[in-house]
N, C-alpha and C. Protein backbone atom coordinates (compact mmCIF):
# COMPACT_ATOMS: atom_id res chain seq x y z
N MET A 1 0.85 -1.18 0.00
CA MET A 1 0.00 0.00 0.00
C MET A 1 0.89 1.24 0.00
N LYS A 2 0.52 2.19 -0.81
CA LYS A 2 1.27 3.45 -0.89
C LYS A 2 0.47 4.54 -0.18
N TRP A 3 1.11 5.16 0.82
CA TRP A 3 0.49 6.24 1.60
C TRP A 3 1.01 7.59 1.14
N PHE A 4 0.12 8.56 1.11
CA PHE A 4 0.44 9.96 0.87
C PHE A 4 0.34 10.63 2.24
N ILE A 5 1.42 11.22 2.72
CA ILE A 5 1.47 11.77 4.08
C ILE A 5 1.68 13.27 4.02
N ALA A 6 0.80 14.01 4.69
CA ALA A 6 0.89 15.48 4.68
C ALA A 6 0.46 16.03 6.03
N SER A 7 0.87 17.24 6.30
CA SER A 7 0.55 17.89 7.57
C SER A 7 0.39 19.39 7.38
N ASP A 8 -0.32 19.99 8.29
CA ASP A 8 -0.37 21.44 8.42
C ASP A 8 -0.85 22.16 7.16
N ILE A 9 -2.08 21.85 6.76
CA ILE A 9 -2.73 22.54 5.64
C ILE A 9 -3.17 23.93 6.09
N HIS A 10 -3.60 24.06 7.32
CA HIS A 10 -3.97 25.34 7.94
C HIS A 10 -4.97 26.16 7.13
N GLY A 11 -5.94 25.49 6.54
CA GLY A 11 -7.03 26.21 5.89
C GLY A 11 -6.73 26.79 4.53
N SER A 12 -5.59 26.45 3.94
CA SER A 12 -5.22 27.01 2.64
C SER A 12 -5.86 26.19 1.51
N ALA A 13 -6.87 26.75 0.87
CA ALA A 13 -7.50 26.08 -0.27
C ALA A 13 -6.50 25.96 -1.42
N PHE A 14 -5.67 26.97 -1.59
CA PHE A 14 -4.68 26.98 -2.66
C PHE A 14 -3.77 25.76 -2.56
N TYR A 15 -3.15 25.56 -1.39
CA TYR A 15 -2.20 24.46 -1.23
C TYR A 15 -2.89 23.12 -1.07
N CYS A 16 -4.08 23.10 -0.50
CA CYS A 16 -4.84 21.85 -0.39
C CYS A 16 -5.16 21.32 -1.79
N ARG A 17 -5.55 22.19 -2.68
CA ARG A 17 -5.86 21.80 -4.06
C ARG A 17 -4.64 21.15 -4.73
N ILE A 18 -3.49 21.77 -4.58
CA ILE A 18 -2.26 21.24 -5.17
C ILE A 18 -1.91 19.90 -4.52
N MET A 19 -2.05 19.83 -3.20
CA MET A 19 -1.76 18.59 -2.47
C MET A 19 -2.61 17.44 -3.01
N LEU A 20 -3.90 17.67 -3.19
CA LEU A 20 -4.78 16.61 -3.68
C LEU A 20 -4.46 16.24 -5.13
N GLN A 21 -4.03 17.20 -5.92
CA GLN A 21 -3.58 16.88 -7.28
C GLN A 21 -2.36 15.96 -7.23
N GLN A 22 -1.46 16.21 -6.28
CA GLN A 22 -0.28 15.36 -6.14
C GLN A 22 -0.67 13.96 -5.64
N PHE A 23 -1.66 13.89 -4.75
CA PHE A 23 -2.16 12.58 -4.29
C PHE A 23 -2.61 11.75 -5.48
N ILE A 24 -3.34 12.36 -6.39
CA ILE A 24 -3.81 11.67 -7.59
C ILE A 24 -2.63 11.31 -8.49
N SER A 25 -1.73 12.25 -8.68
CA SER A 25 -0.57 12.04 -9.54
C SER A 25 0.32 10.91 -9.01
N GLU A 26 0.48 10.84 -7.70
CA GLU A 26 1.33 9.82 -7.07
C GLU A 26 0.68 8.42 -7.11
N GLN A 27 -0.61 8.38 -7.41
CA GLN A 27 -1.36 7.12 -7.42
C GLN A 27 -1.26 6.39 -6.09
N CYS A 28 -1.43 7.14 -5.01
CA CYS A 28 -1.41 6.56 -3.67
C CYS A 28 -2.76 5.93 -3.36
N ASP A 29 -2.74 5.00 -2.42
CA ASP A 29 -3.96 4.32 -2.00
C ASP A 29 -4.71 5.08 -0.92
N ARG A 30 -3.97 5.71 -0.01
CA ARG A 30 -4.57 6.40 1.13
C ARG A 30 -3.80 7.67 1.44
N ILE A 31 -4.50 8.56 2.17
CA ILE A 31 -3.91 9.81 2.65
C ILE A 31 -3.83 9.74 4.17
N LEU A 32 -2.69 10.05 4.72
CA LEU A 32 -2.51 10.20 6.16
C LEU A 32 -2.24 11.67 6.43
N LEU A 33 -3.18 12.32 7.13
CA LEU A 33 -3.03 13.73 7.48
C LEU A 33 -2.63 13.84 8.94
N LEU A 34 -1.57 14.59 9.20
CA LEU A 34 -1.02 14.70 10.55
C LEU A 34 -1.47 15.97 11.27
N GLY A 35 -2.70 16.40 11.01
CA GLY A 35 -3.31 17.46 11.79
C GLY A 35 -3.15 18.86 11.26
N ASP A 36 -3.83 19.78 11.95
CA ASP A 36 -3.90 21.20 11.62
C ASP A 36 -4.42 21.41 10.20
N LEU A 37 -5.65 20.98 10.00
CA LEU A 37 -6.27 21.01 8.67
C LEU A 37 -6.88 22.35 8.32
N LEU A 38 -7.66 22.95 9.24
CA LEU A 38 -8.51 24.09 8.88
C LEU A 38 -8.08 25.44 9.42
N TYR A 39 -7.62 25.50 10.65
CA TYR A 39 -7.33 26.78 11.30
C TYR A 39 -5.85 27.12 11.15
N HIS A 40 -5.54 28.39 10.94
CA HIS A 40 -4.15 28.80 10.71
C HIS A 40 -3.34 28.90 12.00
N GLY A 41 -3.99 29.02 13.14
CA GLY A 41 -3.29 29.12 14.42
C GLY A 41 -2.86 30.54 14.71
N PRO A 42 -2.78 30.91 15.98
CA PRO A 42 -2.46 32.30 16.34
C PRO A 42 -1.01 32.69 16.09
N ARG A 43 -0.11 31.72 15.91
CA ARG A 43 1.30 32.04 15.67
C ARG A 43 1.65 32.15 14.20
N ASN A 44 0.72 31.77 13.34
CA ASN A 44 1.01 31.76 11.90
C ASN A 44 0.28 32.89 11.18
N ASN A 45 0.89 33.39 10.13
CA ASN A 45 0.19 34.31 9.24
C ASN A 45 -0.85 33.52 8.46
N LEU A 46 -1.83 34.21 7.90
CA LEU A 46 -2.80 33.53 7.06
C LEU A 46 -2.11 32.96 5.83
N PRO A 47 -2.34 31.68 5.53
CA PRO A 47 -1.74 31.11 4.33
C PRO A 47 -2.47 31.59 3.08
N GLU A 48 -1.86 31.36 1.94
CA GLU A 48 -2.45 31.76 0.66
C GLU A 48 -3.83 31.13 0.48
N GLU A 49 -4.79 31.95 0.06
CA GLU A 49 -6.18 31.55 -0.16
C GLU A 49 -6.74 30.82 1.08
N TYR A 50 -6.65 31.51 2.21
CA TYR A 50 -7.20 30.95 3.46
C TYR A 50 -8.71 30.85 3.31
N ALA A 51 -9.21 29.61 3.23
CA ALA A 51 -10.63 29.37 3.00
C ALA A 51 -10.99 27.99 3.57
N PRO A 52 -11.12 27.89 4.90
CA PRO A 52 -11.40 26.60 5.52
C PRO A 52 -12.61 25.87 4.94
N LYS A 53 -13.67 26.59 4.56
CA LYS A 53 -14.85 25.93 3.99
C LYS A 53 -14.51 25.24 2.67
N LYS A 54 -13.65 25.84 1.88
CA LYS A 54 -13.22 25.20 0.63
C LYS A 54 -12.37 23.97 0.93
N VAL A 55 -11.52 24.06 1.94
CA VAL A 55 -10.69 22.92 2.33
C VAL A 55 -11.59 21.77 2.80
N ILE A 56 -12.62 22.09 3.57
CA ILE A 56 -13.58 21.07 4.02
C ILE A 56 -14.18 20.36 2.80
N ALA A 57 -14.63 21.13 1.83
CA ALA A 57 -15.26 20.55 0.64
C ALA A 57 -14.28 19.67 -0.13
N MET A 58 -13.06 20.14 -0.29
CA MET A 58 -12.06 19.36 -1.04
C MET A 58 -11.71 18.06 -0.33
N LEU A 59 -11.44 18.14 0.97
CA LEU A 59 -11.08 16.94 1.72
C LEU A 59 -12.25 15.97 1.82
N SER A 60 -13.46 16.49 1.89
CA SER A 60 -14.65 15.64 2.01
C SER A 60 -14.80 14.71 0.81
N GLU A 61 -14.36 15.15 -0.35
CA GLU A 61 -14.42 14.30 -1.54
C GLU A 61 -13.56 13.05 -1.40
N TYR A 62 -12.57 13.10 -0.50
CA TYR A 62 -11.63 11.99 -0.31
C TYR A 62 -11.80 11.33 1.06
N ALA A 63 -12.94 11.52 1.69
CA ALA A 63 -13.17 11.06 3.07
C ALA A 63 -12.84 9.58 3.25
N ARG A 64 -13.18 8.75 2.30
CA ARG A 64 -12.94 7.31 2.41
C ARG A 64 -11.45 6.96 2.33
N ASP A 65 -10.66 7.86 1.82
CA ASP A 65 -9.23 7.62 1.64
C ASP A 65 -8.38 8.20 2.76
N ILE A 66 -8.98 8.97 3.66
CA ILE A 66 -8.21 9.74 4.65
C ILE A 66 -8.20 9.08 6.02
N LEU A 67 -6.99 9.00 6.58
CA LEU A 67 -6.77 8.70 7.99
C LEU A 67 -6.14 9.96 8.56
N CYS A 68 -6.67 10.46 9.67
CA CYS A 68 -6.21 11.74 10.19
C CYS A 68 -6.00 11.68 11.69
N VAL A 69 -5.00 12.39 12.18
CA VAL A 69 -4.81 12.58 13.62
C VAL A 69 -5.03 14.05 13.94
N ARG A 70 -5.32 14.32 15.20
CA ARG A 70 -5.65 15.67 15.67
C ARG A 70 -4.38 16.50 15.84
N GLY A 71 -4.44 17.70 15.30
CA GLY A 71 -3.37 18.66 15.53
C GLY A 71 -3.73 19.57 16.68
N ASN A 72 -2.82 20.44 17.08
CA ASN A 72 -3.10 21.36 18.17
C ASN A 72 -4.11 22.44 17.77
N CYS A 73 -4.41 22.57 16.49
CA CYS A 73 -5.41 23.55 16.04
C CYS A 73 -6.78 22.94 15.78
N GLU A 74 -6.93 21.62 15.89
CA GLU A 74 -8.23 20.99 15.69
C GLU A 74 -9.11 21.20 16.92
N ALA A 75 -10.42 21.31 16.68
CA ALA A 75 -11.39 21.48 17.76
C ALA A 75 -12.61 20.62 17.46
N GLU A 76 -13.47 20.47 18.43
CA GLU A 76 -14.69 19.67 18.26
C GLU A 76 -15.50 20.13 17.06
N VAL A 77 -15.53 21.41 16.81
CA VAL A 77 -16.31 21.92 15.69
C VAL A 77 -15.76 21.41 14.36
N ASP A 78 -14.45 21.17 14.28
CA ASP A 78 -13.86 20.63 13.06
C ASP A 78 -14.41 19.23 12.78
N GLN A 79 -14.59 18.45 13.84
CA GLN A 79 -15.14 17.12 13.66
C GLN A 79 -16.58 17.18 13.19
N MET A 80 -17.28 18.22 13.57
CA MET A 80 -18.68 18.38 13.16
C MET A 80 -18.80 18.66 11.66
N VAL A 81 -17.79 19.26 11.05
CA VAL A 81 -17.89 19.65 9.64
C VAL A 81 -17.11 18.74 8.69
N LEU A 82 -16.31 17.85 9.23
CA LEU A 82 -15.53 16.94 8.40
C LEU A 82 -16.11 15.52 8.49
N PRO A 83 -16.23 14.82 7.37
CA PRO A 83 -16.87 13.50 7.37
C PRO A 83 -15.94 12.33 7.67
N PHE A 84 -14.75 12.62 8.20
CA PHE A 84 -13.82 11.56 8.61
C PHE A 84 -13.29 11.94 9.99
N PRO A 85 -12.88 10.95 10.80
CA PRO A 85 -12.40 11.24 12.16
C PRO A 85 -11.15 12.11 12.16
N VAL A 86 -11.14 13.12 13.04
CA VAL A 86 -9.98 14.02 13.14
C VAL A 86 -9.51 14.23 14.59
N MET A 87 -10.14 13.57 15.54
CA MET A 87 -9.85 13.90 16.94
C MET A 87 -8.96 12.89 17.67
N ALA A 88 -8.43 11.87 16.99
CA ALA A 88 -7.53 10.92 17.64
C ALA A 88 -6.14 11.55 17.78
N ASP A 89 -5.52 11.35 18.93
CA ASP A 89 -4.19 11.93 19.15
C ASP A 89 -3.10 11.22 18.36
N TYR A 90 -3.35 9.96 18.02
CA TYR A 90 -2.35 9.22 17.24
C TYR A 90 -3.02 8.07 16.50
N ALA A 91 -2.31 7.53 15.54
CA ALA A 91 -2.75 6.34 14.81
C ALA A 91 -1.53 5.43 14.70
N LEU A 92 -1.77 4.14 14.73
CA LEU A 92 -0.70 3.17 14.57
C LEU A 92 -0.87 2.46 13.24
N LEU A 93 0.21 2.40 12.48
CA LEU A 93 0.24 1.69 11.21
C LEU A 93 1.32 0.63 11.32
N GLU A 94 1.03 -0.53 10.81
CA GLU A 94 2.03 -1.58 10.83
C GLU A 94 2.48 -1.87 9.41
N THR A 95 3.79 -1.80 9.20
CA THR A 95 4.35 -2.19 7.92
C THR A 95 4.94 -3.58 8.10
N LYS A 96 5.56 -4.13 7.08
CA LYS A 96 6.16 -5.46 7.19
C LYS A 96 7.20 -5.52 8.29
N GLU A 97 7.96 -4.46 8.45
CA GLU A 97 9.09 -4.47 9.37
C GLU A 97 8.97 -3.50 10.56
N HIS A 98 8.05 -2.53 10.49
CA HIS A 98 8.07 -1.45 11.46
C HIS A 98 6.66 -1.10 11.95
N LEU A 99 6.62 -0.58 13.16
CA LEU A 99 5.42 0.05 13.66
C LEU A 99 5.58 1.55 13.43
N VAL A 100 4.56 2.18 12.87
CA VAL A 100 4.58 3.62 12.63
C VAL A 100 3.60 4.27 13.60
N PHE A 101 4.11 5.14 14.45
CA PHE A 101 3.30 5.91 15.39
C PHE A 101 3.11 7.28 14.75
N ALA A 102 1.91 7.54 14.23
CA ALA A 102 1.61 8.80 13.55
C ALA A 102 0.86 9.72 14.50
N THR A 103 1.36 10.93 14.64
CA THR A 103 0.77 11.91 15.54
C THR A 103 1.06 13.31 14.99
N HIS A 104 0.49 14.33 15.60
CA HIS A 104 0.73 15.67 15.09
C HIS A 104 2.13 16.18 15.44
N GLY A 105 2.54 15.99 16.66
CA GLY A 105 3.88 16.43 17.06
C GLY A 105 3.90 17.43 18.19
N HIS A 106 2.75 17.94 18.60
CA HIS A 106 2.74 18.91 19.70
C HIS A 106 2.85 18.21 21.05
N ILE A 107 2.59 16.91 21.11
CA ILE A 107 2.74 16.15 22.35
C ILE A 107 3.95 15.21 22.21
N PHE A 108 3.88 14.30 21.24
CA PHE A 108 5.00 13.38 21.00
C PHE A 108 5.80 13.89 19.81
N ASN A 109 7.13 13.95 20.02
CA ASN A 109 8.03 14.50 19.00
C ASN A 109 9.45 14.06 19.33
N GLU A 110 10.41 14.66 18.68
CA GLU A 110 11.82 14.31 18.87
C GLU A 110 12.27 14.47 20.33
N SER A 111 11.68 15.42 21.04
CA SER A 111 12.04 15.66 22.44
C SER A 111 11.22 14.83 23.42
N HIS A 112 10.12 14.27 22.96
CA HIS A 112 9.24 13.46 23.82
C HIS A 112 8.74 12.27 23.00
N ILE A 113 9.54 11.23 22.99
CA ILE A 113 9.26 10.05 22.17
C ILE A 113 8.30 9.12 22.92
N PRO A 114 7.26 8.65 22.26
CA PRO A 114 6.35 7.70 22.92
C PRO A 114 7.07 6.36 23.13
N PRO A 115 6.49 5.46 23.91
CA PRO A 115 7.13 4.16 24.14
C PRO A 115 7.12 3.30 22.88
N LEU A 116 8.22 3.32 22.16
CA LEU A 116 8.37 2.55 20.93
C LEU A 116 9.59 1.65 21.04
N HIS A 117 9.67 0.66 20.18
CA HIS A 117 10.81 -0.24 20.13
C HIS A 117 11.84 0.29 19.14
N LYS A 118 13.07 -0.16 19.31
CA LYS A 118 14.13 0.17 18.38
C LYS A 118 13.68 -0.26 16.97
N GLY A 119 13.87 0.63 16.01
CA GLY A 119 13.47 0.36 14.63
C GLY A 119 12.09 0.89 14.28
N ASP A 120 11.28 1.24 15.29
CA ASP A 120 9.96 1.80 15.03
C ASP A 120 10.10 3.23 14.49
N ILE A 121 8.97 3.78 14.04
CA ILE A 121 8.96 5.08 13.40
C ILE A 121 8.00 6.02 14.10
N LEU A 122 8.48 7.18 14.49
CA LEU A 122 7.64 8.27 14.98
C LEU A 122 7.47 9.24 13.83
N LEU A 123 6.23 9.37 13.38
CA LEU A 123 5.90 10.22 12.24
C LEU A 123 5.05 11.37 12.75
N HIS A 124 5.52 12.60 12.56
CA HIS A 124 4.76 13.75 13.05
C HIS A 124 4.95 14.98 12.17
N GLY A 125 4.04 15.94 12.34
CA GLY A 125 4.12 17.23 11.67
C GLY A 125 4.44 18.30 12.70
N HIS A 126 3.62 19.34 12.75
CA HIS A 126 3.62 20.41 13.76
C HIS A 126 4.72 21.45 13.59
N THR A 127 5.96 21.05 13.33
CA THR A 127 7.05 22.02 13.28
C THR A 127 7.12 22.76 11.94
N HIS A 128 6.48 22.21 10.92
CA HIS A 128 6.48 22.78 9.57
C HIS A 128 7.85 22.66 8.91
N VAL A 129 8.70 21.80 9.45
CA VAL A 129 10.05 21.59 8.92
C VAL A 129 10.24 20.10 8.65
N PRO A 130 10.59 19.71 7.43
CA PRO A 130 10.85 18.30 7.15
C PRO A 130 11.98 17.77 8.03
N LEU A 131 11.85 16.51 8.42
CA LEU A 131 12.84 15.92 9.32
C LEU A 131 13.01 14.45 9.02
N CYS A 132 14.24 14.00 9.08
CA CYS A 132 14.58 12.59 8.97
C CYS A 132 15.78 12.36 9.86
N THR A 133 15.54 11.82 11.05
CA THR A 133 16.62 11.61 12.00
C THR A 133 16.35 10.33 12.77
N GLU A 134 17.30 9.95 13.61
CA GLU A 134 17.14 8.77 14.44
C GLU A 134 17.57 9.12 15.85
N LYS A 135 16.81 8.67 16.83
CA LYS A 135 17.12 8.92 18.23
C LYS A 135 16.75 7.68 19.02
N GLU A 136 17.70 7.18 19.79
CA GLU A 136 17.47 5.99 20.61
C GLU A 136 17.00 4.81 19.75
N GLY A 137 17.48 4.74 18.50
CA GLY A 137 17.12 3.65 17.60
C GLY A 137 15.75 3.80 16.96
N ILE A 138 15.09 4.93 17.20
CA ILE A 138 13.76 5.19 16.63
C ILE A 138 13.91 6.22 15.52
N HIS A 139 13.30 5.93 14.39
CA HIS A 139 13.32 6.85 13.26
C HIS A 139 12.26 7.93 13.48
N ILE A 140 12.66 9.18 13.34
CA ILE A 140 11.74 10.30 13.54
C ILE A 140 11.64 11.05 12.22
N LEU A 141 10.40 11.07 11.68
CA LEU A 141 10.18 11.63 10.36
C LEU A 141 9.08 12.68 10.40
N ASN A 142 9.24 13.72 9.61
CA ASN A 142 8.27 14.81 9.52
C ASN A 142 8.19 15.23 8.05
N PRO A 143 6.96 15.27 7.49
CA PRO A 143 6.84 15.67 6.08
C PRO A 143 6.96 17.17 5.84
N GLY A 144 7.00 17.97 6.90
CA GLY A 144 6.99 19.42 6.74
C GLY A 144 5.55 19.91 6.64
N SER A 145 5.35 21.05 6.04
CA SER A 145 4.02 21.66 5.96
C SER A 145 3.57 21.82 4.51
N VAL A 146 2.30 21.56 4.30
CA VAL A 146 1.70 21.78 2.98
C VAL A 146 1.65 23.28 2.68
N SER A 147 1.22 24.09 3.66
CA SER A 147 0.92 25.49 3.34
C SER A 147 1.83 26.55 3.96
N ILE A 148 2.45 26.24 5.09
CA ILE A 148 3.27 27.26 5.77
C ILE A 148 4.62 26.65 6.17
N PRO A 149 5.48 26.38 5.19
CA PRO A 149 6.78 25.80 5.54
C PRO A 149 7.63 26.78 6.33
N LYS A 150 8.45 26.21 7.20
CA LYS A 150 9.35 27.04 8.01
C LYS A 150 10.77 26.52 7.87
N GLY A 151 11.71 27.29 8.40
CA GLY A 151 13.11 26.88 8.38
C GLY A 151 13.68 26.73 6.98
N ASN A 152 13.30 27.62 6.08
CA ASN A 152 13.77 27.60 4.69
C ASN A 152 13.44 26.28 3.98
N SER A 153 12.35 25.64 4.39
CA SER A 153 11.94 24.39 3.73
C SER A 153 10.92 24.68 2.64
N TRP A 154 10.32 23.66 2.10
CA TRP A 154 9.44 23.74 0.96
C TRP A 154 8.01 23.36 1.34
N HIS A 155 7.05 23.78 0.52
CA HIS A 155 5.68 23.30 0.65
C HIS A 155 5.72 21.84 0.22
N GLY A 156 5.37 20.90 1.11
CA GLY A 156 5.59 19.53 0.71
C GLY A 156 4.77 18.47 1.41
N TYR A 157 5.12 17.24 1.08
CA TYR A 157 4.48 16.03 1.59
C TYR A 157 5.50 14.90 1.50
N MET A 158 5.09 13.72 1.89
CA MET A 158 5.94 12.55 1.71
C MET A 158 5.08 11.36 1.33
N THR A 159 5.72 10.35 0.78
CA THR A 159 5.04 9.09 0.50
C THR A 159 5.73 7.99 1.29
N MET A 160 4.96 6.94 1.58
CA MET A 160 5.48 5.77 2.28
C MET A 160 5.00 4.54 1.54
N GLU A 161 5.95 3.70 1.13
CA GLU A 161 5.60 2.47 0.44
C GLU A 161 6.74 1.47 0.61
N ASP A 162 6.41 0.29 1.11
CA ASP A 162 7.38 -0.81 1.25
C ASP A 162 8.67 -0.38 1.95
N GLY A 163 8.56 0.36 3.04
CA GLY A 163 9.74 0.78 3.80
C GLY A 163 10.51 1.93 3.19
N SER A 164 9.98 2.53 2.14
CA SER A 164 10.62 3.67 1.51
C SER A 164 9.81 4.94 1.80
N PHE A 165 10.48 5.95 2.31
CA PHE A 165 9.86 7.25 2.59
C PHE A 165 10.52 8.27 1.67
N ILE A 166 9.67 9.00 0.94
CA ILE A 166 10.20 10.00 0.01
C ILE A 166 9.53 11.34 0.29
N TRP A 167 10.33 12.36 0.57
CA TRP A 167 9.86 13.73 0.78
C TRP A 167 9.86 14.43 -0.56
N LYS A 168 8.77 15.14 -0.86
CA LYS A 168 8.68 15.87 -2.13
C LYS A 168 8.09 17.25 -1.90
N ASP A 169 8.43 18.17 -2.81
CA ASP A 169 7.76 19.46 -2.78
C ASP A 169 6.43 19.31 -3.53
N LEU A 170 5.60 20.34 -3.50
CA LEU A 170 4.26 20.22 -4.10
C LEU A 170 4.29 20.17 -5.63
N GLN A 171 5.45 20.30 -6.23
CA GLN A 171 5.57 20.11 -7.67
C GLN A 171 5.97 18.65 -7.97
N GLY A 172 6.16 17.86 -6.92
CA GLY A 172 6.53 16.45 -7.10
C GLY A 172 8.01 16.19 -7.18
N ASN A 173 8.83 17.22 -6.93
CA ASN A 173 10.29 17.05 -6.97
C ASN A 173 10.78 16.40 -5.69
N GLU A 174 11.55 15.34 -5.82
CA GLU A 174 12.08 14.63 -4.66
C GLU A 174 13.11 15.49 -3.93
N LYS A 175 12.96 15.53 -2.60
CA LYS A 175 13.87 16.33 -1.76
C LYS A 175 14.74 15.45 -0.87
N MET A 176 14.18 14.37 -0.32
CA MET A 176 14.91 13.46 0.55
C MET A 176 14.30 12.07 0.39
N GLN A 177 15.08 11.04 0.79
CA GLN A 177 14.56 9.68 0.76
C GLN A 177 15.20 8.88 1.88
N LEU A 178 14.41 7.98 2.46
CA LEU A 178 14.88 7.05 3.48
C LEU A 178 14.35 5.68 3.13
N ASN A 179 15.23 4.71 3.04
CA ASN A 179 14.82 3.33 2.81
C ASN A 179 15.13 2.51 4.05
N LEU A 180 14.12 1.92 4.61
CA LEU A 180 14.30 1.10 5.82
C LEU A 180 14.12 -0.36 5.48
């Protein structure tokens, strides 16, 4: 199964539209969203074409394909308007070789690793900066942000398939790769 992994859309219809075009182009089976879908947050500037209602409509078309975890900007009202679950703090995915702990990153992150085994994967967003590192034998990965990249990074996403993780910008250009 090929997963399309993205985080931190923050209500940008402009970047959400491009993200979904890339999902189709990548021919992925499912989308894993790592939170902060609709609201831009008090620390961020408004992203391009800030239009949460448009983002709701676009994501709703893919409701059956989406697995989502709650970001620090999600609220109960977001669950009321989205047709897929968004309020879980984490999701567990099992690959052939690894357990993937997917979360937003405001609770569990590089500085606060959940109880995982050596070789497992902590996958999170929140920082808006792509990351590929290892700590205590645990792989820590972050796709960066779809709409508000930080740290001189790119608007991007990542894919996961058969132990291969590929970070790409929203034009589909490969930026980093990890094969486990």
